[in-house]
Amino acid sequence: MHATKALLILRNGLRCMGCGKVAEYKDIQWHHIKPKYASKANHEPVDDSYENGSLLCKRCHIEIHKYLWWDMEYQLLTDLIEDNKR
């Protein structure tokens, strides 16, 4: 397991930062708030930091990736994630 995902779980438990439901370990997924594709497009290193990470259940992870990073819907979901992050 990546150290950042471990830290996210340690500080936040297995609660989805999108919908708030508690997930099983196998169902919680690490999501980059600033997506890898956005970093790569700008020739920046991928940000694997705690600040750029979140934990989402499969359903919320699929939902957020329906939108592009610059879409308003993506930003609204990101704001919710930040509000639920410890």
PDB file of N, CA and C in Angstrom:
ATOM      1  N   MET A   1       0.851  -1.178   0.000  1.00  0.00           N
ATOM      2  CA  MET A   1       0.000   0.000   0.000  1.00  0.00           C
ATOM      3  C   MET A   1       0.895   1.238   0.000  1.00  0.00           C
ATOM      4  N   HIS A   2       0.513   2.215  -0.782  1.00  0.00           N
ATOM      5  CA  HIS A   2       1.251   3.475  -0.848  1.00  0.00           C
ATOM      6  C   HIS A   2       1.156   4.188   0.502  1.00  0.00           C
ATOM      7  N   ALA A   3       2.232   4.829   0.909  1.00  0.00           N
ATOM      8  CA  ALA A   3       2.295   5.508   2.211  1.00  0.00           C
ATOM      9  C   ALA A   3       1.207   6.571   2.361  1.00  0.00           C
ATOM     10  N   THR A   4       0.878   7.272   1.294  1.00  0.00           N
ATOM     11  CA  THR A   4      -0.159   8.311   1.390  1.00  0.00           C
ATOM     12  C   THR A   4      -1.531   7.699   1.632  1.00  0.00           C
ATOM     13  N   LYS A   5      -1.850   6.594   0.965  1.00  0.00           N
ATOM     14  CA  LYS A   5      -3.132   5.930   1.208  1.00  0.00           C
ATOM     15  C   LYS A   5      -3.195   5.451   2.648  1.00  0.00           C
ATOM     16  N   ALA A   6      -2.090   4.916   3.154  1.00  0.00           N
ATOM     17  CA  ALA A   6      -2.050   4.461   4.549  1.00  0.00           C
ATOM     18  C   ALA A   6      -2.300   5.613   5.511  1.00  0.00           C
ATOM     19  N   LEU A   7      -1.699   6.767   5.236  1.00  0.00           N
ATOM     20  CA  LEU A   7      -1.892   7.943   6.091  1.00  0.00           C
ATOM     21  C   LEU A   7      -3.337   8.441   6.013  1.00  0.00           C
ATOM     22  N   LEU A   8      -3.909   8.444   4.826  1.00  0.00           N
ATOM     23  CA  LEU A   8      -5.316   8.843   4.671  1.00  0.00           C
ATOM     24  C   LEU A   8      -6.223   7.936   5.505  1.00  0.00           C
ATOM     25  N   ILE A   9      -5.978   6.637   5.464  1.00  0.00           N
ATOM     26  CA  ILE A   9      -6.790   5.683   6.232  1.00  0.00           C
ATOM     27  C   ILE A   9      -6.555   5.880   7.728  1.00  0.00           C
ATOM     28  N   LEU A  10      -5.303   6.078   8.122  1.00  0.00           N
ATOM     29  CA  LEU A  10      -4.985   6.277   9.533  1.00  0.00           C
ATOM     30  C   LEU A  10      -5.716   7.493  10.091  1.00  0.00           C
ATOM     31  N   ARG A  11      -5.726   8.588   9.356  1.00  0.00           N
ATOM     32  CA  ARG A  11      -6.336   9.837   9.844  1.00  0.00           C
ATOM     33  C   ARG A  11      -7.851   9.889   9.652  1.00  0.00           C
ATOM     34  N   ASN A  12      -8.354   9.198   8.642  1.00  0.00           N
ATOM     35  CA  ASN A  12      -9.773   9.339   8.283  1.00  0.00           C
ATOM     36  C   ASN A  12     -10.582   8.054   8.402  1.00  0.00           C
ATOM     37  N   GLY A  13      -9.926   6.947   8.669  1.00  0.00           N
ATOM     38  CA  GLY A  13     -10.627   5.669   8.711  1.00  0.00           C
ATOM     39  C   GLY A  13     -11.019   5.239   7.300  1.00  0.00           C
ATOM     40  N   LEU A  14     -11.976   4.358   7.203  1.00  0.00           N
ATOM     41  CA  LEU A  14     -12.422   3.841   5.913  1.00  0.00           C
ATOM     42  C   LEU A  14     -13.700   4.530   5.439  1.00  0.00           C
ATOM     43  N   ARG A  15     -13.900   5.746   5.876  1.00  0.00           N
ATOM     44  CA  ARG A  15     -15.078   6.530   5.490  1.00  0.00           C
ATOM     45  C   ARG A  15     -14.829   7.234   4.160  1.00  0.00           C
ATOM     46  N   CYS A  16     -15.773   7.094   3.247  1.00  0.00           N
ATOM     47  CA  CYS A  16     -15.692   7.769   1.955  1.00  0.00           C
ATOM     48  C   CYS A  16     -15.813   9.272   2.185  1.00  0.00           C
ATOM     49  N   MET A  17     -14.910  10.021   1.615  1.00  0.00           N
ATOM     50  CA  MET A  17     -14.925  11.472   1.765  1.00  0.00           C
ATOM     51  C   MET A  17     -15.931  12.127   0.824  1.00  0.00           C
ATOM     52  N   GLY A  18     -16.577  11.326   0.000  1.00  0.00           N
ATOM     53  CA  GLY A  18     -17.625  11.836  -0.878  1.00  0.00           C
ATOM     54  C   GLY A  18     -18.990  11.712  -0.226  1.00  0.00           C
ATOM     55  N   CYS A  19     -19.421  10.477  -0.020  1.00  0.00           N
ATOM     56  CA  CYS A  19     -20.772  10.237   0.507  1.00  0.00           C
ATOM     57  C   CYS A  19     -20.812  10.024   2.014  1.00  0.00           C
ATOM     58  N   GLY A  20     -19.653   9.786   2.628  1.00  0.00           N
ATOM     59  CA  GLY A  20     -19.594   9.615   4.079  1.00  0.00           C
ATOM     60  C   GLY A  20     -19.823   8.203   4.575  1.00  0.00           C
ATOM     61  N   LYS A  21     -20.113   7.278   3.680  1.00  0.00           N
ATOM     62  CA  LYS A  21     -20.344   5.894   4.102  1.00  0.00           C
ATOM     63  C   LYS A  21     -19.033   5.209   4.443  1.00  0.00           C
ATOM     64  N   VAL A  22     -19.095   4.306   5.421  1.00  0.00           N
ATOM     65  CA  VAL A  22     -17.929   3.508   5.768  1.00  0.00           C
ATOM     66  C   VAL A  22     -17.849   2.348   4.777  1.00  0.00           C
ATOM     67  N   ALA A  23     -16.670   2.158   4.218  1.00  0.00           N
ATOM     68  CA  ALA A  23     -16.457   1.113   3.220  1.00  0.00           C
ATOM     69  C   ALA A  23     -15.521   0.056   3.791  1.00  0.00           C
ATOM     70  N   GLU A  24     -15.534  -1.106   3.199  1.00  0.00           N
ATOM     71  CA  GLU A  24     -14.556  -2.119   3.551  1.00  0.00           C
ATOM     72  C   GLU A  24     -13.229  -1.724   2.919  1.00  0.00           C
ATOM     73  N   TYR A  25     -12.137  -2.222   3.488  1.00  0.00           N
ATOM     74  CA  TYR A  25     -10.819  -1.855   2.985  1.00  0.00           C
ATOM     75  C   TYR A  25     -10.698  -2.105   1.487  1.00  0.00           C
ATOM     76  N   LYS A  26     -11.184  -3.239   1.021  1.00  0.00           N
ATOM     77  CA  LYS A  26     -11.057  -3.596  -0.397  1.00  0.00           C
ATOM     78  C   LYS A  26     -11.861  -2.660  -1.299  1.00  0.00           C
ATOM     79  N   ASP A  27     -12.792  -1.923  -0.744  1.00  0.00           N
ATOM     80  CA  ASP A  27     -13.659  -1.052  -1.536  1.00  0.00           C
ATOM     81  C   ASP A  27     -13.301   0.433  -1.458  1.00  0.00           C
ATOM     82  N   ILE A  28     -12.347   0.800  -0.617  1.00  0.00           N
ATOM     83  CA  ILE A  28     -11.973   2.213  -0.512  1.00  0.00           C
ATOM     84  C   ILE A  28     -10.823   2.481  -1.490  1.00  0.00           C
ATOM     85  N   GLN A  29     -10.939   3.576  -2.214  1.00  0.00           N
ATOM     86  CA  GLN A  29      -9.957   3.866  -3.260  1.00  0.00           C
ATOM     87  C   GLN A  29      -9.313   5.229  -3.022  1.00  0.00           C
ATOM     88  N   TRP A  30      -8.036   5.302  -3.335  1.00  0.00           N
ATOM     89  CA  TRP A  30      -7.284   6.541  -3.212  1.00  0.00           C
ATOM     90  C   TRP A  30      -7.512   7.352  -4.477  1.00  0.00           C
ATOM     91  N   HIS A  31      -7.914   8.590  -4.285  1.00  0.00           N
ATOM     92  CA  HIS A  31      -8.192   9.495  -5.404  1.00  0.00           C
ATOM     93  C   HIS A  31      -7.275  10.702  -5.300  1.00  0.00           C
ATOM     94  N   HIS A  32      -6.658  11.088  -6.416  1.00  0.00           N
ATOM     95  CA  HIS A  32      -5.860  12.314  -6.478  1.00  0.00           C
ATOM     96  C   HIS A  32      -6.815  13.476  -6.758  1.00  0.00           C
ATOM     97  N   ILE A  33      -6.832  14.468  -5.889  1.00  0.00           N
ATOM     98  CA  ILE A  33      -7.704  15.623  -6.079  1.00  0.00           C
ATOM     99  C   ILE A  33      -7.322  16.361  -7.365  1.00  0.00           C
ATOM    100  N   LYS A  34      -6.039  16.690  -7.509  1.00  0.00           N
ATOM    101  CA  LYS A  34      -5.559  17.180  -8.808  1.00  0.00           C
ATOM    102  C   LYS A  34      -5.140  15.922  -9.562  1.00  0.00           C
ATOM    103  N   PRO A  35      -5.901  15.539 -10.563  1.00  0.00           N
ATOM    104  CA  PRO A  35      -5.662  14.261 -11.231  1.00  0.00           C
ATOM    105  C   PRO A  35      -4.269  14.151 -11.851  1.00  0.00           C
ATOM    106  N   LYS A  36      -3.835  12.919 -11.972  1.00  0.00           N
ATOM    107  CA  LYS A  36      -2.525  12.657 -12.580  1.00  0.00           C
ATOM    108  C   LYS A  36      -2.449  13.249 -13.982  1.00  0.00           C
ATOM    109  N   TYR A  37      -3.549  13.153 -14.747  1.00  0.00           N
ATOM    110  CA  TYR A  37      -3.515  13.651 -16.128  1.00  0.00           C
ATOM    111  C   TYR A  37      -3.304  15.166 -16.173  1.00  0.00           C
ATOM    112  N   ALA A  38      -3.807  15.888 -15.181  1.00  0.00           N
ATOM    113  CA  ALA A  38      -3.627  17.341 -15.148  1.00  0.00           C
ATOM    114  C   ALA A  38      -2.167  17.697 -14.869  1.00  0.00           C
ATOM    115  N   SER A  39      -1.543  16.954 -13.968  1.00  0.00           N
ATOM    116  CA  SER A  39      -0.122  17.188 -13.686  1.00  0.00           C
ATOM    117  C   SER A  39       0.720  16.872 -14.907  1.00  0.00           C
ATOM    118  N   LYS A  40       0.460  15.736 -15.513  1.00  0.00           N
ATOM    119  CA  LYS A  40       1.248  15.320 -16.672  1.00  0.00           C
ATOM    120  C   LYS A  40       1.073  16.287 -17.842  1.00  0.00           C
ATOM    121  N   ALA A  41      -0.125  16.792 -18.032  1.00  0.00           N
ATOM    122  CA  ALA A  41      -0.379  17.737 -19.126  1.00  0.00           C
ATOM    123  C   ALA A  41       0.420  19.025 -18.952  1.00  0.00           C
ATOM    124  N   ASN A  42       0.680  19.398 -17.704  1.00  0.00           N
ATOM    125  CA  ASN A  42       1.448  20.611 -17.406  1.00  0.00           C
ATOM    126  C   ASN A  42       2.931  20.318 -17.167  1.00  0.00           C
ATOM    127  N   HIS A  43       3.336  19.078 -17.461  1.00  0.00           N
ATOM    128  CA  HIS A  43       4.734  18.658 -17.273  1.00  0.00           C
ATOM    129  C   HIS A  43       5.181  18.835 -15.830  1.00  0.00           C
ATOM    130  N   GLU A  44       4.278  18.543 -14.905  1.00  0.00           N
ATOM    131  CA  GLU A  44       4.563  18.603 -13.473  1.00  0.00           C
ATOM    132  C   GLU A  44       4.602  17.180 -12.925  1.00  0.00           C
ATOM    133  N   PRO A  45       5.321  16.975 -11.828  1.00  0.00           N
ATOM    134  CA  PRO A  45       5.278  15.639 -11.218  1.00  0.00           C
ATOM    135  C   PRO A  45       3.888  15.383 -10.623  1.00  0.00           C
ATOM    136  N   VAL A  46       3.489  14.135 -10.611  1.00  0.00           N
ATOM    137  CA  VAL A  46       2.209  13.760 -10.005  1.00  0.00           C
ATOM    138  C   VAL A  46       2.313  14.010  -8.503  1.00  0.00           C
ATOM    139  N   ASP A  47       1.312  14.657  -7.960  1.00  0.00           N
ATOM    140  CA  ASP A  47       1.293  15.009  -6.537  1.00  0.00           C
ATOM    141  C   ASP A  47       0.648  13.878  -5.741  1.00  0.00           C
ATOM    142  N   ASP A  48       1.487  13.081  -5.069  1.00  0.00           N
ATOM    143  CA  ASP A  48       1.005  11.976  -4.248  1.00  0.00           C
ATOM    144  C   ASP A  48       0.912  12.360  -2.773  1.00  0.00           C
ATOM    145  N   SER A  49       0.863  13.647  -2.473  1.00  0.00           N
ATOM    146  CA  SER A  49       0.854  14.106  -1.085  1.00  0.00           C
ATOM    147  C   SER A  49      -0.497  13.855  -0.413  1.00  0.00           C
ATOM    148  N   TYR A  50      -0.462  13.903   0.920  1.00  0.00           N
ATOM    149  CA  TYR A  50      -1.688  13.786   1.708  1.00  0.00           C
ATOM    150  C   TYR A  50      -2.679  14.880   1.313  1.00  0.00           C
ATOM    151  N   GLU A  51      -2.180  16.089   1.114  1.00  0.00           N
ATOM    152  CA  GLU A  51      -3.041  17.221   0.780  1.00  0.00           C
ATOM    153  C   GLU A  51      -3.769  17.022  -0.545  1.00  0.00           C
ATOM    154  N   ASN A  52      -3.175  16.289  -1.456  1.00  0.00           N
ATOM    155  CA  ASN A  52      -3.794  16.044  -2.761  1.00  0.00           C
ATOM    156  C   ASN A  52      -4.533  14.712  -2.812  1.00  0.00           C
ATOM    157  N   GLY A  53      -4.582  14.021  -1.698  1.00  0.00           N
ATOM    158  CA  GLY A  53      -5.220  12.705  -1.689  1.00  0.00           C
ATOM    159  C   GLY A  53      -6.582  12.713  -1.030  1.00  0.00           C
ATOM    160  N   SER A  54      -7.372  11.718  -1.372  1.00  0.00           N
ATOM    161  CA  SER A  54      -8.662  11.505  -0.722  1.00  0.00           C
ATOM    162  C   SER A  54      -9.011  10.035  -0.815  1.00  0.00           C
ATOM    163  N   LEU A  55      -9.973   9.626  -0.021  1.00  0.00           N
ATOM    164  CA  LEU A  55     -10.469   8.258  -0.042  1.00  0.00           C
ATOM    165  C   LEU A  55     -11.915   8.281  -0.501  1.00  0.00           C
ATOM    166  N   LEU A  56     -12.208   7.489  -1.524  1.00  0.00           N
ATOM    167  CA  LEU A  56     -13.563   7.431  -2.056  1.00  0.00           C
ATOM    168  C   LEU A  56     -14.010   5.982  -2.202  1.00  0.00           C
ATOM    169  N   CYS A  57     -15.289   5.752  -1.980  1.00  0.00           N
ATOM    170  CA  CYS A  57     -15.848   4.440  -2.284  1.00  0.00           C
ATOM    171  C   CYS A  57     -15.871   4.298  -3.812  1.00  0.00           C
ATOM    172  N   LYS A  58     -16.072   3.103  -4.286  1.00  0.00           N
ATOM    173  CA  LYS A  58     -16.058   2.868  -5.733  1.00  0.00           C
ATOM    174  C   LYS A  58     -17.083   3.743  -6.454  1.00  0.00           C
ATOM    175  N   ARG A  59     -18.277   3.859  -5.883  1.00  0.00           N
ATOM    176  CA  ARG A  59     -19.346   4.635  -6.529  1.00  0.00           C
ATOM    177  C   ARG A  59     -18.964   6.101  -6.665  1.00  0.00           C
ATOM    178  N   CYS A  60     -18.436   6.702  -5.597  1.00  0.00           N
ATOM    179  CA  CYS A  60     -18.050   8.115  -5.645  1.00  0.00           C
ATOM    180  C   CYS A  60     -16.839   8.331  -6.552  1.00  0.00           C
ATOM    181  N   HIS A  61     -15.934   7.351  -6.585  1.00  0.00           N
ATOM    182  CA  HIS A  61     -14.760   7.488  -7.442  1.00  0.00           C
ATOM    183  C   HIS A  61     -15.173   7.466  -8.915  1.00  0.00           C
ATOM    184  N   ILE A  62     -16.092   6.604  -9.253  1.00  0.00           N
ATOM    185  CA  ILE A  62     -16.609   6.573 -10.628  1.00  0.00           C
ATOM    186  C   ILE A  62     -17.316   7.887 -10.940  1.00  0.00           C
ATOM    187  N   GLU A  63     -18.108   8.379 -10.002  1.00  0.00           N
ATOM    188  CA  GLU A  63     -18.882   9.610 -10.206  1.00  0.00           C
ATOM    189  C   GLU A  63     -17.974  10.812 -10.471  1.00  0.00           C
ATOM    190  N   ILE A  64     -16.925  10.985  -9.656  1.00  0.00           N
ATOM    191  CA  ILE A  64     -16.072  12.169  -9.831  1.00  0.00           C
ATOM    192  C   ILE A  64     -15.311  12.118 -11.153  1.00  0.00           C
ATOM    193  N   HIS A  65     -15.010  10.902 -11.630  1.00  0.00           N
ATOM    194  CA  HIS A  65     -14.265  10.798 -12.889  1.00  0.00           C
ATOM    195  C   HIS A  65     -15.157  10.920 -14.123  1.00  0.00           C
ATOM    196  N   LYS A  66     -16.426  11.201 -13.925  1.00  0.00           N
ATOM    197  CA  LYS A  66     -17.302  11.533 -15.053  1.00  0.00           C
ATOM    198  C   LYS A  66     -17.024  12.948 -15.547  1.00  0.00           C
ATOM    199  N   TYR A  67     -16.349  13.723 -14.705  1.00  0.00           N
ATOM    200  CA  TYR A  67     -16.100  15.132 -15.004  1.00  0.00           C
ATOM    201  C   TYR A  67     -14.608  15.375 -15.192  1.00  0.00           C
ATOM    202  N   LEU A  68     -14.274  16.415 -15.915  1.00  0.00           N
ATOM    203  CA  LEU A  68     -12.886  16.826 -16.069  1.00  0.00           C
ATOM    204  C   LEU A  68     -12.507  17.757 -14.928  1.00  0.00           C
ATOM    205  N   TRP A  69     -11.222  17.822 -14.659  1.00  0.00           N
ATOM    206  CA  TRP A  69     -10.705  18.556 -13.518  1.00  0.00           C
ATOM    207  C   TRP A  69     -11.174  19.999 -13.484  1.00  0.00           C
ATOM    208  N   TRP A  70     -11.361  20.614 -14.613  1.00  0.00           N
ATOM    209  CA  TRP A  70     -11.733  22.038 -14.655  1.00  0.00           C
ATOM    210  C   TRP A  70     -13.250  22.253 -14.676  1.00  0.00           C
ATOM    211  N   ASP A  71     -14.040  21.186 -14.701  1.00  0.00           N
ATOM    212  CA  ASP A  71     -15.502  21.311 -14.680  1.00  0.00           C
ATOM    213  C   ASP A  71     -15.996  21.787 -13.312  1.00  0.00           C
ATOM    214  N   MET A  72     -17.052  22.550 -13.301  1.00  0.00           N
ATOM    215  CA  MET A  72     -17.643  23.034 -12.049  1.00  0.00           C
ATOM    216  C   MET A  72     -18.089  21.862 -11.171  1.00  0.00           C
ATOM    217  N   GLU A  73     -18.653  20.808 -11.773  1.00  0.00           N
ATOM    218  CA  GLU A  73     -19.116  19.654 -11.013  1.00  0.00           C
ATOM    219  C   GLU A  73     -17.948  18.981 -10.283  1.00  0.00           C
ATOM    220  N   TYR A  74     -16.794  18.904 -10.955  1.00  0.00           N
ATOM    221  CA  TYR A  74     -15.606  18.325 -10.320  1.00  0.00           C
ATOM    222  C   TYR A  74     -15.202  19.167  -9.124  1.00  0.00           C
ATOM    223  N   GLN A  75     -15.224  20.475  -9.290  1.00  0.00           N
ATOM    224  CA  GLN A  75     -14.834  21.357  -8.194  1.00  0.00           C
ATOM    225  C   GLN A  75     -15.809  21.247  -7.016  1.00  0.00           C
ATOM    226  N   LEU A  76     -17.087  21.135  -7.294  1.00  0.00           N
ATOM    227  CA  LEU A  76     -18.071  20.986  -6.212  1.00  0.00           C
ATOM    228  C   LEU A  76     -17.845  19.692  -5.438  1.00  0.00           C
ATOM    229  N   LEU A  77     -17.568  18.611  -6.147  1.00  0.00           N
ATOM    230  CA  LEU A  77     -17.279  17.338  -5.480  1.00  0.00           C
ATOM    231  C   LEU A  77     -15.973  17.421  -4.689  1.00  0.00           C
ATOM    232  N   THR A  78     -14.987  18.107  -5.234  1.00  0.00           N
ATOM    233  CA  THR A  78     -13.715  18.292  -4.530  1.00  0.00           C
ATOM    234  C   THR A  78     -13.913  19.107  -3.253  1.00  0.00           C
ATOM    235  N   ASP A  79     -14.753  20.121  -3.303  1.00  0.00           N
ATOM    236  CA  ASP A  79     -15.044  20.923  -2.108  1.00  0.00           C
ATOM    237  C   ASP A  79     -15.687  20.039  -1.039  1.00  0.00           C
ATOM    238  N   LEU A  80     -16.588  19.156  -1.424  1.00  0.00           N
ATOM    239  CA  LEU A  80     -17.221  18.235  -0.475  1.00  0.00           C
ATOM    240  C   LEU A  80     -16.172  17.315   0.140  1.00  0.00           C
ATOM    241  N   ILE A  81     -15.291  16.786  -0.696  1.00  0.00           N
ATOM    242  CA  ILE A  81     -14.224  15.918  -0.209  1.00  0.00           C
ATOM    243  C   ILE A  81     -13.359  16.651   0.819  1.00  0.00           C
ATOM    244  N   GLU A  82     -12.974  17.872   0.499  1.00  0.00           N
ATOM    245  CA  GLU A  82     -12.130  18.652   1.423  1.00  0.00           C
ATOM    246  C   GLU A  82     -12.848  18.904   2.756  1.00  0.00           C
ATOM    247  N   ASP A  83     -14.154  19.142   2.700  1.00  0.00           N
ATOM    248  CA  ASP A  83     -14.925  19.357   3.924  1.00  0.00           C
ATOM    249  C   ASP A  83     -14.958  18.103   4.801  1.00  0.00           C
ATOM    250  N   ASN A  84     -14.898  16.930   4.187  1.00  0.00           N
ATOM    251  CA  ASN A  84     -14.988  15.657   4.909  1.00  0.00           C
ATOM    252  C   ASN A  84     -13.627  15.081   5.294  1.00  0.00           C
ATOM    253  N   LYS A  85     -12.566  15.744   4.925  1.00  0.00           N
ATOM    254  CA  LYS A  85     -11.210  15.241   5.189  1.00  0.00           C
ATOM    255  C   LYS A  85     -10.706  15.775   6.528  1.00  0.00           C
ATOM    256  N   ARG A  86     -10.033  14.927   7.271  1.00  0.00           N
ATOM    257  CA  ARG A  86      -9.472  15.339   8.573  1.00  0.00           C
ATOM    258  C   ARG A  86      -8.008  15.665   8.427  1.00  0.00           C
TER     259      ARG A  86
END
